[in-house]
Amino acid sequence: MKKNLKKLNHFLPVQNSDYSVAPEQKLHGQSSSKKGYSKDHFDFIKLIQKWPEIIGEKFSKHSIPLKNQNKTLVILSNHSAFASEMKFLEQALKKKIFTFFPSLEKEIEKVQFVVDSTFFDEKIALLNPKESSQVITKLHPFSPEYKKKLAQADSMFEDVNDDELKNIFKSLYLQS
């Protein structure tokens, strides 16, 4: 029994004209448009790559396109000040996007800004390990690392008679 397995490249549109149709589609006489691909298929990764040219270096460090859904381009920003500044520039931003990607003119009606610094913090941590070491990671109370540190704190402050003061010292030790 031979299984009919397909390679990943049979599902992806290819840029070269010689390979624009998958081999089994050539055999059956199907064009790529019947499989749901069109010539003006948009690659969102290209928008992300062109983002610094579209928005400028200053804003590109603090924002990134997240998704295009229901004719709304969602842009992630790390601070509300940058998001509100870009909101004022929404029309100019759309025009600039359309000059780079004319096919998006039918796909984007409005731009929405979402503020969340998590992505940007992780990006900084990957690019600058020294800066990421300053970020304090909070341990879960049931994790083995937390229990180990708690045991160390108990033994370290066992001589302190005042329970309230002992708890404060242990808390400070666990936070450091």
Foldseek 3Di string as FASTA:
>chain_A
DDDDDDDPVQVDADDDPVCRHPPVCVVVVHHVVVVVDDPLDDDVVVCQVCVCVLPNPVLNLFKGFDDQPPQETEMEGADVVSQVVVQVVFVVSVVSVCVVRVVCVVRHDGYHYDHDNPVSLVVCCVVPVVVNVPDFDQDDCPDPVNVVLLVVLCVVQVVDDDPVVSVVSSVVSNRD
